[in-house]
N, C-alpha and C. Protein backbone atom coordinates (compact mmCIF):
# COMPACT_ATOMS: atom_id res chain seq x y z
N MET A 1 -5.98 -5.00 14.95
CA MET A 1 -5.57 -4.50 13.64
C MET A 1 -4.11 -4.07 13.70
N THR A 2 -3.31 -4.56 12.76
CA THR A 2 -1.89 -4.25 12.75
C THR A 2 -1.64 -2.82 12.30
N LEU A 3 -0.76 -2.12 13.01
CA LEU A 3 -0.42 -0.75 12.66
C LEU A 3 0.39 -0.72 11.36
N ASP A 4 -0.04 0.09 10.42
CA ASP A 4 0.69 0.29 9.17
C ASP A 4 1.68 1.43 9.38
N LEU A 5 2.83 1.13 9.97
CA LEU A 5 3.80 2.17 10.29
C LEU A 5 4.32 2.85 9.03
N THR A 6 4.55 2.08 7.99
CA THR A 6 5.05 2.67 6.74
C THR A 6 4.07 3.69 6.19
N GLY A 7 2.80 3.31 6.15
CA GLY A 7 1.79 4.23 5.65
C GLY A 7 1.64 5.46 6.52
N GLU A 8 1.72 5.27 7.83
CA GLU A 8 1.59 6.40 8.75
C GLU A 8 2.76 7.36 8.59
N LEU A 9 3.96 6.83 8.44
CA LEU A 9 5.14 7.69 8.24
C LEU A 9 5.04 8.44 6.92
N ALA A 10 4.61 7.74 5.88
CA ALA A 10 4.49 8.37 4.57
C ALA A 10 3.46 9.48 4.57
N ALA A 11 2.42 9.32 5.38
CA ALA A 11 1.38 10.35 5.46
C ALA A 11 1.84 11.53 6.30
N ALA A 12 2.54 11.25 7.40
CA ALA A 12 2.96 12.32 8.31
C ALA A 12 4.20 13.05 7.81
N ARG A 13 5.15 12.31 7.26
CA ARG A 13 6.39 12.82 6.68
C ARG A 13 7.39 13.35 7.69
N VAL A 14 6.96 13.56 8.93
CA VAL A 14 7.87 14.04 9.97
C VAL A 14 7.75 13.16 11.20
N LEU A 15 8.88 12.63 11.66
CA LEU A 15 8.97 11.87 12.90
C LEU A 15 9.79 12.69 13.88
N GLY A 16 9.17 13.12 14.97
CA GLY A 16 9.90 13.88 15.97
C GLY A 16 10.62 12.97 16.93
N ILE A 17 11.92 13.21 17.12
CA ILE A 17 12.75 12.34 17.96
C ILE A 17 13.16 13.09 19.22
N ILE A 18 12.74 12.56 20.36
CA ILE A 18 13.03 13.19 21.65
C ILE A 18 14.18 12.44 22.32
N ARG A 19 15.26 13.17 22.54
CA ARG A 19 16.42 12.61 23.25
C ARG A 19 16.93 13.72 24.17
N GLY A 20 16.70 13.56 25.47
CA GLY A 20 17.06 14.63 26.38
C GLY A 20 17.68 14.12 27.66
N THR A 21 17.77 15.01 28.64
CA THR A 21 18.42 14.67 29.91
C THR A 21 17.48 14.80 31.10
N ASP A 22 16.20 15.08 30.83
CA ASP A 22 15.26 15.29 31.93
C ASP A 22 13.91 14.69 31.56
N THR A 23 13.37 13.88 32.45
CA THR A 23 12.12 13.18 32.16
C THR A 23 10.96 14.14 31.95
N ALA A 24 10.79 15.07 32.88
CA ALA A 24 9.66 16.00 32.79
C ALA A 24 9.76 16.86 31.52
N ALA A 25 10.97 17.28 31.19
CA ALA A 25 11.16 18.09 29.98
C ALA A 25 10.88 17.28 28.73
N ALA A 26 11.24 16.01 28.75
CA ALA A 26 10.96 15.14 27.61
C ALA A 26 9.46 14.98 27.41
N ILE A 27 8.74 14.82 28.52
CA ILE A 27 7.28 14.71 28.43
C ILE A 27 6.68 16.00 27.88
N ALA A 28 7.12 17.13 28.41
CA ALA A 28 6.61 18.42 27.95
C ALA A 28 6.91 18.62 26.47
N THR A 29 8.08 18.16 26.04
CA THR A 29 8.45 18.27 24.63
C THR A 29 7.51 17.44 23.76
N GLY A 30 7.26 16.21 24.18
CA GLY A 30 6.35 15.36 23.42
C GLY A 30 4.95 15.93 23.32
N VAL A 31 4.45 16.45 24.41
CA VAL A 31 3.11 17.04 24.41
C VAL A 31 3.07 18.25 23.50
N ALA A 32 4.11 19.09 23.56
CA ALA A 32 4.16 20.27 22.70
C ALA A 32 4.20 19.90 21.23
N LEU A 33 4.97 18.89 20.88
CA LEU A 33 5.03 18.45 19.49
C LEU A 33 3.66 17.97 19.01
N LEU A 34 2.99 17.20 19.84
CA LEU A 34 1.66 16.71 19.48
C LEU A 34 0.67 17.87 19.33
N GLN A 35 0.75 18.83 20.23
CA GLN A 35 -0.15 19.97 20.16
C GLN A 35 0.06 20.79 18.89
N GLU A 36 1.29 20.81 18.38
CA GLU A 36 1.58 21.56 17.16
C GLU A 36 1.25 20.78 15.89
N GLY A 37 0.89 19.50 16.05
CA GLY A 37 0.48 18.73 14.90
C GLY A 37 1.44 17.65 14.44
N VAL A 38 2.56 17.47 15.15
CA VAL A 38 3.45 16.36 14.83
C VAL A 38 2.76 15.09 15.32
N ARG A 39 2.43 14.19 14.41
CA ARG A 39 1.59 13.03 14.76
C ARG A 39 2.38 11.81 15.20
N ILE A 40 3.68 11.78 14.86
CA ILE A 40 4.48 10.60 15.21
C ILE A 40 5.71 11.07 15.98
N VAL A 41 5.86 10.55 17.19
CA VAL A 41 6.91 10.98 18.09
C VAL A 41 7.62 9.75 18.65
N GLU A 42 8.93 9.85 18.74
CA GLU A 42 9.76 8.77 19.28
C GLU A 42 10.52 9.29 20.49
N VAL A 43 10.55 8.51 21.56
CA VAL A 43 11.34 8.84 22.74
C VAL A 43 12.51 7.87 22.82
N ALA A 44 13.73 8.39 22.76
CA ALA A 44 14.91 7.53 22.83
C ALA A 44 15.10 6.98 24.23
N LEU A 45 15.44 5.71 24.33
CA LEU A 45 15.63 5.08 25.63
C LEU A 45 16.83 5.63 26.37
N THR A 46 17.69 6.39 25.71
CA THR A 46 18.82 7.02 26.40
C THR A 46 18.36 8.22 27.24
N THR A 47 17.11 8.64 27.08
CA THR A 47 16.55 9.72 27.89
C THR A 47 16.21 9.18 29.27
N PRO A 48 16.63 9.84 30.35
CA PRO A 48 16.27 9.36 31.69
C PRO A 48 14.75 9.26 31.84
N GLY A 49 14.29 8.15 32.40
CA GLY A 49 12.86 7.97 32.59
C GLY A 49 12.09 7.83 31.29
N ALA A 50 12.75 7.30 30.27
CA ALA A 50 12.13 7.22 28.94
C ALA A 50 10.83 6.43 28.95
N LEU A 51 10.78 5.35 29.70
CA LEU A 51 9.56 4.54 29.72
C LEU A 51 8.40 5.31 30.34
N ARG A 52 8.70 6.06 31.39
CA ARG A 52 7.66 6.89 32.00
C ARG A 52 7.21 7.99 31.05
N ALA A 53 8.17 8.52 30.30
CA ALA A 53 7.85 9.57 29.32
C ALA A 53 6.93 9.02 28.23
N ILE A 54 7.23 7.82 27.76
CA ILE A 54 6.39 7.20 26.73
C ILE A 54 4.97 7.03 27.25
N GLU A 55 4.83 6.54 28.46
CA GLU A 55 3.50 6.35 29.05
C GLU A 55 2.75 7.68 29.15
N ALA A 56 3.45 8.72 29.62
CA ALA A 56 2.79 10.01 29.84
C ALA A 56 2.42 10.68 28.52
N ILE A 57 3.31 10.62 27.55
CA ILE A 57 3.02 11.25 26.26
C ILE A 57 1.89 10.52 25.56
N ARG A 58 1.90 9.21 25.63
CA ARG A 58 0.80 8.46 25.03
C ARG A 58 -0.53 8.81 25.69
N ALA A 59 -0.53 8.97 27.00
CA ALA A 59 -1.77 9.30 27.71
C ALA A 59 -2.31 10.66 27.29
N ALA A 60 -1.41 11.56 26.87
CA ALA A 60 -1.82 12.90 26.47
C ALA A 60 -2.05 13.03 24.96
N ALA A 61 -1.77 11.97 24.23
CA ALA A 61 -1.80 12.04 22.76
C ALA A 61 -3.23 12.06 22.23
N PRO A 62 -3.47 12.84 21.18
CA PRO A 62 -4.78 12.82 20.53
C PRO A 62 -4.97 11.53 19.74
N VAL A 63 -6.19 11.25 19.39
CA VAL A 63 -6.49 10.07 18.57
C VAL A 63 -5.73 10.17 17.25
N GLY A 64 -5.09 9.09 16.87
CA GLY A 64 -4.36 9.06 15.62
C GLY A 64 -2.88 9.31 15.75
N ALA A 65 -2.45 9.83 16.91
CA ALA A 65 -1.02 10.06 17.14
C ALA A 65 -0.34 8.75 17.51
N LEU A 66 0.93 8.64 17.18
CA LEU A 66 1.70 7.43 17.47
C LEU A 66 2.92 7.79 18.31
N ILE A 67 3.12 7.05 19.38
CA ILE A 67 4.25 7.29 20.28
C ILE A 67 5.13 6.05 20.25
N GLY A 68 6.38 6.22 19.86
CA GLY A 68 7.28 5.09 19.75
C GLY A 68 8.47 5.21 20.68
N ALA A 69 9.26 4.15 20.72
CA ALA A 69 10.47 4.11 21.52
C ALA A 69 11.67 3.98 20.59
N GLY A 70 12.69 4.78 20.84
CA GLY A 70 13.90 4.72 20.02
C GLY A 70 15.08 4.16 20.79
N THR A 71 16.14 3.85 20.05
CA THR A 71 17.35 3.23 20.61
C THR A 71 16.99 1.93 21.32
N VAL A 72 16.12 1.17 20.70
CA VAL A 72 15.69 -0.12 21.24
C VAL A 72 16.65 -1.18 20.71
N LEU A 73 17.45 -1.74 21.59
CA LEU A 73 18.55 -2.60 21.16
C LEU A 73 18.34 -4.08 21.44
N THR A 74 17.73 -4.40 22.55
CA THR A 74 17.68 -5.80 23.00
C THR A 74 16.25 -6.30 23.12
N ALA A 75 16.12 -7.62 23.29
CA ALA A 75 14.80 -8.20 23.52
C ALA A 75 14.20 -7.67 24.81
N ALA A 76 15.04 -7.44 25.81
CA ALA A 76 14.55 -6.88 27.07
C ALA A 76 14.02 -5.47 26.87
N ASP A 77 14.69 -4.70 26.04
CA ASP A 77 14.20 -3.35 25.72
C ASP A 77 12.81 -3.42 25.09
N VAL A 78 12.62 -4.37 24.20
CA VAL A 78 11.32 -4.52 23.53
C VAL A 78 10.23 -4.82 24.56
N ALA A 79 10.52 -5.70 25.49
CA ALA A 79 9.54 -6.03 26.52
C ALA A 79 9.19 -4.78 27.34
N ASP A 80 10.21 -3.99 27.65
CA ASP A 80 9.98 -2.79 28.46
C ASP A 80 9.12 -1.77 27.73
N VAL A 81 9.44 -1.52 26.46
CA VAL A 81 8.69 -0.47 25.74
C VAL A 81 7.29 -0.94 25.39
N ALA A 82 7.12 -2.24 25.19
CA ALA A 82 5.78 -2.77 24.96
C ALA A 82 4.92 -2.57 26.20
N ALA A 83 5.50 -2.82 27.37
CA ALA A 83 4.77 -2.62 28.62
C ALA A 83 4.43 -1.16 28.85
N ALA A 84 5.29 -0.26 28.34
CA ALA A 84 5.06 1.18 28.50
C ALA A 84 4.01 1.71 27.52
N GLY A 85 3.64 0.87 26.54
CA GLY A 85 2.60 1.27 25.61
C GLY A 85 3.09 1.86 24.31
N ALA A 86 4.35 1.66 23.98
CA ALA A 86 4.86 2.18 22.71
C ALA A 86 4.12 1.56 21.54
N HIS A 87 3.80 2.39 20.55
CA HIS A 87 3.12 1.90 19.35
C HIS A 87 4.10 1.24 18.36
N PHE A 88 5.35 1.64 18.41
CA PHE A 88 6.34 1.12 17.47
C PHE A 88 7.73 1.28 18.09
N VAL A 89 8.72 0.64 17.48
CA VAL A 89 10.09 0.77 17.97
C VAL A 89 11.00 1.21 16.83
N VAL A 90 12.08 1.86 17.23
CA VAL A 90 13.09 2.33 16.30
C VAL A 90 14.45 1.87 16.81
N THR A 91 15.28 1.39 15.90
CA THR A 91 16.61 0.95 16.30
C THR A 91 17.66 1.80 15.56
N PRO A 92 18.88 1.88 16.11
CA PRO A 92 19.94 2.59 15.42
C PRO A 92 20.75 1.70 14.48
N ALA A 93 20.47 0.39 14.51
CA ALA A 93 21.26 -0.57 13.74
C ALA A 93 20.45 -1.85 13.57
N VAL A 94 21.03 -2.81 12.86
CA VAL A 94 20.39 -4.11 12.69
C VAL A 94 20.73 -4.95 13.92
N VAL A 95 19.77 -5.05 14.84
CA VAL A 95 20.03 -5.63 16.15
C VAL A 95 18.94 -6.65 16.52
N GLU A 96 19.13 -7.31 17.65
CA GLU A 96 18.25 -8.41 18.06
C GLU A 96 16.83 -7.95 18.38
N SER A 97 16.66 -6.68 18.64
CA SER A 97 15.32 -6.18 18.98
C SER A 97 14.36 -6.25 17.80
N ILE A 98 14.88 -6.28 16.58
CA ILE A 98 14.01 -6.26 15.40
C ILE A 98 13.11 -7.51 15.37
N PRO A 99 13.68 -8.72 15.34
CA PRO A 99 12.78 -9.89 15.30
C PRO A 99 11.93 -10.04 16.54
N GLU A 100 12.43 -9.58 17.69
CA GLU A 100 11.63 -9.69 18.92
C GLU A 100 10.42 -8.76 18.86
N ALA A 101 10.63 -7.54 18.34
CA ALA A 101 9.50 -6.62 18.20
C ALA A 101 8.48 -7.17 17.20
N VAL A 102 8.97 -7.71 16.10
CA VAL A 102 8.08 -8.29 15.10
C VAL A 102 7.29 -9.44 15.72
N ARG A 103 7.94 -10.24 16.52
CA ARG A 103 7.27 -11.37 17.18
C ARG A 103 6.14 -10.88 18.08
N ARG A 104 6.34 -9.72 18.69
CA ARG A 104 5.34 -9.15 19.59
C ARG A 104 4.29 -8.32 18.85
N GLY A 105 4.44 -8.16 17.54
CA GLY A 105 3.48 -7.38 16.79
C GLY A 105 3.73 -5.88 16.81
N LEU A 106 4.94 -5.48 17.24
CA LEU A 106 5.31 -4.07 17.23
C LEU A 106 6.06 -3.75 15.94
N PRO A 107 5.56 -2.83 15.12
CA PRO A 107 6.29 -2.48 13.90
C PRO A 107 7.61 -1.80 14.22
N VAL A 108 8.58 -1.98 13.32
CA VAL A 108 9.94 -1.50 13.56
C VAL A 108 10.41 -0.63 12.41
N ALA A 109 11.03 0.49 12.76
CA ALA A 109 11.83 1.26 11.81
C ALA A 109 13.28 0.96 12.20
N ALA A 110 13.95 0.15 11.38
CA ALA A 110 15.26 -0.36 11.75
C ALA A 110 16.38 0.48 11.15
N GLY A 111 17.36 0.79 11.97
CA GLY A 111 18.49 1.58 11.52
C GLY A 111 19.40 0.80 10.60
N ALA A 112 19.81 1.41 9.49
CA ALA A 112 20.72 0.79 8.54
C ALA A 112 21.40 1.88 7.74
N LEU A 113 22.58 1.57 7.22
CA LEU A 113 23.29 2.52 6.37
C LEU A 113 23.62 1.93 5.01
N THR A 114 24.08 0.69 4.99
CA THR A 114 24.51 0.07 3.74
C THR A 114 23.38 -0.70 3.08
N PRO A 115 23.53 -1.02 1.80
CA PRO A 115 22.52 -1.85 1.14
C PRO A 115 22.30 -3.19 1.84
N THR A 116 23.38 -3.80 2.29
CA THR A 116 23.26 -5.10 2.96
C THR A 116 22.47 -4.97 4.25
N GLU A 117 22.76 -3.94 5.03
CA GLU A 117 22.03 -3.73 6.28
C GLU A 117 20.55 -3.46 6.01
N ALA A 118 20.28 -2.63 5.02
CA ALA A 118 18.88 -2.30 4.71
C ALA A 118 18.12 -3.54 4.29
N TYR A 119 18.72 -4.34 3.42
CA TYR A 119 18.07 -5.56 2.95
C TYR A 119 17.86 -6.55 4.10
N THR A 120 18.88 -6.66 4.95
CA THR A 120 18.79 -7.57 6.09
C THR A 120 17.68 -7.15 7.04
N ALA A 121 17.57 -5.85 7.30
CA ALA A 121 16.55 -5.34 8.21
C ALA A 121 15.15 -5.70 7.71
N VAL A 122 14.92 -5.53 6.42
CA VAL A 122 13.61 -5.85 5.86
C VAL A 122 13.35 -7.36 5.93
N ARG A 123 14.38 -8.15 5.64
CA ARG A 123 14.22 -9.60 5.73
C ARG A 123 13.90 -10.04 7.17
N MET A 124 14.37 -9.26 8.15
CA MET A 124 14.10 -9.58 9.56
C MET A 124 12.70 -9.13 9.98
N GLY A 125 12.03 -8.39 9.11
CA GLY A 125 10.66 -8.01 9.40
C GLY A 125 10.41 -6.54 9.65
N ALA A 126 11.44 -5.70 9.46
CA ALA A 126 11.26 -4.27 9.69
C ALA A 126 10.24 -3.70 8.72
N SER A 127 9.39 -2.81 9.22
CA SER A 127 8.38 -2.16 8.38
C SER A 127 8.99 -1.04 7.54
N ALA A 128 10.01 -0.39 8.08
CA ALA A 128 10.68 0.70 7.39
C ALA A 128 12.15 0.66 7.76
N VAL A 129 12.96 1.30 6.94
CA VAL A 129 14.40 1.38 7.19
C VAL A 129 14.76 2.82 7.52
N LYS A 130 15.36 2.99 8.67
CA LYS A 130 15.84 4.30 9.10
C LYS A 130 17.25 4.46 8.56
N LEU A 131 17.40 5.26 7.51
CA LEU A 131 18.73 5.49 6.93
C LEU A 131 19.49 6.40 7.89
N PHE A 132 20.51 5.83 8.54
CA PHE A 132 21.19 6.54 9.62
C PHE A 132 22.68 6.24 9.63
N PRO A 133 23.52 7.27 9.76
CA PRO A 133 23.17 8.69 9.72
C PRO A 133 23.03 9.17 8.26
N ALA A 134 21.87 9.72 7.94
CA ALA A 134 21.58 10.11 6.57
C ALA A 134 22.54 11.17 6.06
N SER A 135 23.02 12.02 6.96
CA SER A 135 23.89 13.12 6.53
C SER A 135 25.22 12.63 5.97
N LEU A 136 25.58 11.39 6.25
CA LEU A 136 26.86 10.86 5.77
C LEU A 136 26.91 10.82 4.24
N GLY A 137 25.80 10.47 3.62
CA GLY A 137 25.76 10.41 2.15
C GLY A 137 24.81 11.41 1.53
N GLY A 138 23.93 11.95 2.35
CA GLY A 138 22.99 12.96 1.87
C GLY A 138 21.91 12.39 0.98
N PRO A 139 21.09 13.27 0.40
CA PRO A 139 20.00 12.83 -0.47
C PRO A 139 20.47 12.01 -1.66
N ALA A 140 21.64 12.32 -2.18
CA ALA A 140 22.15 11.57 -3.33
C ALA A 140 22.36 10.10 -2.99
N TYR A 141 22.85 9.83 -1.78
CA TYR A 141 23.05 8.44 -1.37
C TYR A 141 21.72 7.73 -1.19
N LEU A 142 20.75 8.43 -0.61
CA LEU A 142 19.43 7.83 -0.43
C LEU A 142 18.84 7.47 -1.79
N ARG A 143 18.97 8.37 -2.76
CA ARG A 143 18.45 8.10 -4.10
C ARG A 143 19.16 6.90 -4.73
N ALA A 144 20.47 6.81 -4.54
CA ALA A 144 21.23 5.69 -5.09
C ALA A 144 20.83 4.37 -4.44
N LEU A 145 20.55 4.40 -3.15
CA LEU A 145 20.14 3.19 -2.44
C LEU A 145 18.79 2.68 -2.94
N ARG A 146 17.96 3.61 -3.37
CA ARG A 146 16.64 3.22 -3.87
C ARG A 146 16.69 2.62 -5.28
N ASP A 147 17.77 2.85 -6.01
CA ASP A 147 17.86 2.32 -7.37
C ASP A 147 17.70 0.79 -7.39
N PRO A 148 18.46 0.04 -6.57
CA PRO A 148 18.27 -1.41 -6.57
C PRO A 148 17.10 -1.86 -5.69
N PHE A 149 16.63 -0.96 -4.83
CA PHE A 149 15.52 -1.28 -3.92
C PHE A 149 14.44 -0.20 -4.04
N PRO A 150 13.76 -0.13 -5.17
CA PRO A 150 12.82 0.99 -5.38
C PRO A 150 11.63 1.00 -4.43
N GLU A 151 11.31 -0.14 -3.85
CA GLU A 151 10.16 -0.20 -2.95
C GLU A 151 10.57 -0.05 -1.48
N LEU A 152 11.85 0.16 -1.24
CA LEU A 152 12.34 0.22 0.14
C LEU A 152 11.83 1.49 0.83
N PRO A 153 11.07 1.36 1.94
CA PRO A 153 10.56 2.54 2.64
C PRO A 153 11.64 3.14 3.54
N LEU A 154 12.26 4.20 3.07
CA LEU A 154 13.40 4.80 3.76
C LEU A 154 12.97 6.05 4.52
N VAL A 155 13.42 6.13 5.76
CA VAL A 155 13.21 7.32 6.59
C VAL A 155 14.59 7.91 6.85
N ALA A 156 14.82 9.13 6.41
CA ALA A 156 16.12 9.77 6.57
C ALA A 156 16.24 10.34 7.98
N VAL A 157 17.27 9.91 8.70
CA VAL A 157 17.47 10.33 10.09
C VAL A 157 18.95 10.64 10.32
N GLY A 158 19.21 11.71 11.02
CA GLY A 158 20.58 12.06 11.36
C GLY A 158 21.07 13.26 10.58
N GLY A 159 21.02 14.43 11.21
CA GLY A 159 21.50 15.63 10.56
C GLY A 159 20.58 16.20 9.50
N VAL A 160 19.29 15.91 9.60
CA VAL A 160 18.33 16.42 8.61
C VAL A 160 17.76 17.74 9.13
N GLY A 161 18.36 18.83 8.69
CA GLY A 161 17.87 20.15 9.07
C GLY A 161 16.70 20.55 8.20
N LEU A 162 16.08 21.67 8.56
CA LEU A 162 14.92 22.15 7.82
C LEU A 162 15.26 22.40 6.35
N ALA A 163 16.44 22.93 6.10
CA ALA A 163 16.85 23.24 4.73
C ALA A 163 17.06 21.98 3.90
N GLU A 164 17.48 20.89 4.55
CA GLU A 164 17.77 19.65 3.83
C GLU A 164 16.55 18.78 3.62
N MET A 165 15.53 18.97 4.43
CA MET A 165 14.36 18.09 4.41
C MET A 165 13.73 17.93 3.02
N PRO A 166 13.47 19.01 2.27
CA PRO A 166 12.84 18.82 0.96
C PRO A 166 13.65 17.95 0.01
N ALA A 167 14.97 18.03 0.08
CA ALA A 167 15.80 17.23 -0.81
C ALA A 167 15.70 15.75 -0.49
N TYR A 168 15.62 15.41 0.78
CA TYR A 168 15.47 14.01 1.15
C TYR A 168 14.12 13.47 0.69
N LEU A 169 13.07 14.25 0.86
CA LEU A 169 11.76 13.81 0.41
C LEU A 169 11.72 13.69 -1.11
N ALA A 170 12.36 14.63 -1.81
CA ALA A 170 12.41 14.57 -3.26
C ALA A 170 13.21 13.37 -3.75
N ALA A 171 14.20 12.95 -2.94
CA ALA A 171 15.03 11.80 -3.31
C ALA A 171 14.34 10.47 -3.09
N GLY A 172 13.18 10.51 -2.43
CA GLY A 172 12.42 9.28 -2.26
C GLY A 172 12.20 8.83 -0.84
N ALA A 173 12.66 9.59 0.15
CA ALA A 173 12.38 9.23 1.54
C ALA A 173 10.88 9.34 1.79
N ILE A 174 10.32 8.38 2.51
CA ILE A 174 8.90 8.47 2.82
C ILE A 174 8.66 9.47 3.95
N ALA A 175 9.71 9.72 4.74
CA ALA A 175 9.61 10.66 5.86
C ALA A 175 11.02 11.02 6.31
N VAL A 176 11.11 12.00 7.18
CA VAL A 176 12.38 12.32 7.83
C VAL A 176 12.18 12.22 9.32
N GLY A 177 13.21 11.74 10.02
CA GLY A 177 13.20 11.71 11.47
C GLY A 177 14.12 12.81 11.96
N VAL A 178 13.62 13.65 12.85
CA VAL A 178 14.38 14.82 13.25
C VAL A 178 14.47 14.92 14.77
N GLY A 179 15.70 14.95 15.26
CA GLY A 179 15.94 15.12 16.68
C GLY A 179 16.39 16.52 17.00
N GLY A 180 17.72 16.70 17.09
CA GLY A 180 18.28 17.98 17.48
C GLY A 180 17.80 19.19 16.70
N PRO A 181 17.78 19.13 15.35
CA PRO A 181 17.34 20.30 14.60
C PRO A 181 15.90 20.73 14.91
N LEU A 182 15.08 19.80 15.35
CA LEU A 182 13.69 20.10 15.70
C LEU A 182 13.54 20.36 17.20
N VAL A 183 14.02 19.44 18.00
CA VAL A 183 13.79 19.49 19.45
C VAL A 183 14.70 20.50 20.14
N GLY A 184 15.92 20.67 19.62
CA GLY A 184 16.85 21.57 20.27
C GLY A 184 17.15 21.11 21.68
N ASP A 185 17.10 22.05 22.63
CA ASP A 185 17.38 21.71 24.03
C ASP A 185 16.10 21.55 24.85
N ALA A 186 14.95 21.49 24.17
CA ALA A 186 13.67 21.44 24.89
C ALA A 186 13.56 20.22 25.79
N ALA A 187 14.06 19.07 25.34
CA ALA A 187 13.94 17.84 26.12
C ALA A 187 14.92 17.79 27.28
N SER A 188 15.73 18.83 27.40
CA SER A 188 16.64 18.95 28.54
C SER A 188 16.32 20.18 29.37
N GLY A 189 15.10 20.71 29.19
CA GLY A 189 14.66 21.85 29.96
C GLY A 189 14.72 23.17 29.23
N GLY A 190 14.94 23.13 27.91
CA GLY A 190 15.07 24.35 27.12
C GLY A 190 13.74 24.96 26.71
N ASP A 191 13.81 25.84 25.73
CA ASP A 191 12.70 26.70 25.34
C ASP A 191 11.64 25.94 24.54
N LEU A 192 10.46 25.79 25.13
CA LEU A 192 9.37 25.09 24.45
C LEU A 192 8.72 25.96 23.38
N ASP A 193 8.73 27.27 23.57
CA ASP A 193 8.15 28.16 22.56
C ASP A 193 8.94 28.08 21.27
N ALA A 194 10.26 28.05 21.39
CA ALA A 194 11.10 27.92 20.20
C ALA A 194 10.89 26.57 19.53
N LEU A 195 10.69 25.55 20.34
CA LEU A 195 10.38 24.23 19.80
C LEU A 195 9.10 24.27 18.97
N ARG A 196 8.09 24.92 19.48
CA ARG A 196 6.82 25.01 18.77
C ARG A 196 6.99 25.70 17.42
N VAL A 197 7.79 26.75 17.38
CA VAL A 197 8.04 27.46 16.12
C VAL A 197 8.72 26.53 15.12
N ARG A 198 9.72 25.79 15.59
CA ARG A 198 10.42 24.85 14.70
C ARG A 198 9.48 23.76 14.22
N ALA A 199 8.62 23.26 15.10
CA ALA A 199 7.68 22.22 14.71
C ALA A 199 6.76 22.70 13.59
N ARG A 200 6.27 23.92 13.72
CA ARG A 200 5.40 24.46 12.67
C ARG A 200 6.16 24.60 11.36
N ALA A 201 7.43 24.97 11.44
CA ALA A 201 8.23 25.12 10.23
C ALA A 201 8.44 23.78 9.53
N TYR A 202 8.73 22.74 10.30
CA TYR A 202 8.92 21.41 9.71
C TYR A 202 7.64 20.89 9.09
N LEU A 203 6.53 21.09 9.77
CA LEU A 203 5.26 20.61 9.22
C LEU A 203 4.90 21.38 7.96
N ALA A 204 5.20 22.66 7.93
CA ALA A 204 4.93 23.45 6.73
C ALA A 204 5.78 22.96 5.57
N ALA A 205 7.05 22.65 5.86
CA ALA A 205 7.93 22.15 4.80
C ALA A 205 7.46 20.79 4.30
N ALA A 206 6.89 19.99 5.20
CA ALA A 206 6.42 18.66 4.80
C ALA A 206 5.20 18.74 3.89
N THR A 207 4.46 19.82 4.01
CA THR A 207 3.23 19.94 3.22
C THR A 207 3.26 21.12 2.28
N ASP A 208 4.44 21.77 2.19
CA ASP A 208 4.61 22.93 1.31
C ASP A 208 3.62 24.06 1.66
N ARG A 209 3.32 24.19 2.97
CA ARG A 209 2.45 25.26 3.39
C ARG A 209 3.29 26.41 3.96
N PRO A 210 2.83 27.64 3.83
CA PRO A 210 3.54 28.74 4.48
C PRO A 210 3.41 28.63 6.00
N VAL A 211 4.44 29.06 6.71
CA VAL A 211 4.41 29.02 8.17
C VAL A 211 3.50 30.11 8.69
N SER A 212 2.57 29.76 9.60
CA SER A 212 1.66 30.77 10.15
C SER A 212 2.31 31.48 11.31
């Protein structure tokens, strides 16, 4: 059964992005995010030992959670993350990994900024478009991009803090992808307790629930 990445992102509304400097810390970060209820997590390949981290986080993931690989640029990268068990791939741009992932049956959230890039990514088979860096144009740009492409599944990524998240969702983003503002320094050996607090805050904002 093919994974409906667009539907999963739209339901979860929050994609946690792990980019760190330590393999063990990245794994601990992923596990903590999952324990707090973040259902979709991406590990950037720029993280040392990223493939091992993907394997370990997936092994610890509850049923229904999705573990993806980010910064997937080449066909070789796709082969590596597929072997590691990634459920999906994320790219920072319109690159060769998109059609290769599609060929392998791995759904893609493809990085794009301009209308041409977004359209091209979808034509190449991307399931969703990662508007990156979203902070460059903000929610107003995302809303404008949707005018000619009302069905385009956009995920706002890059500089999306907790305060900005509701505006992106109101502008039509199906989800937000959050790295630094959510993860902080946890994936490099920082405070996991603080990470957990931030995770609860993001999930509350995604569902308009008060933070417990």
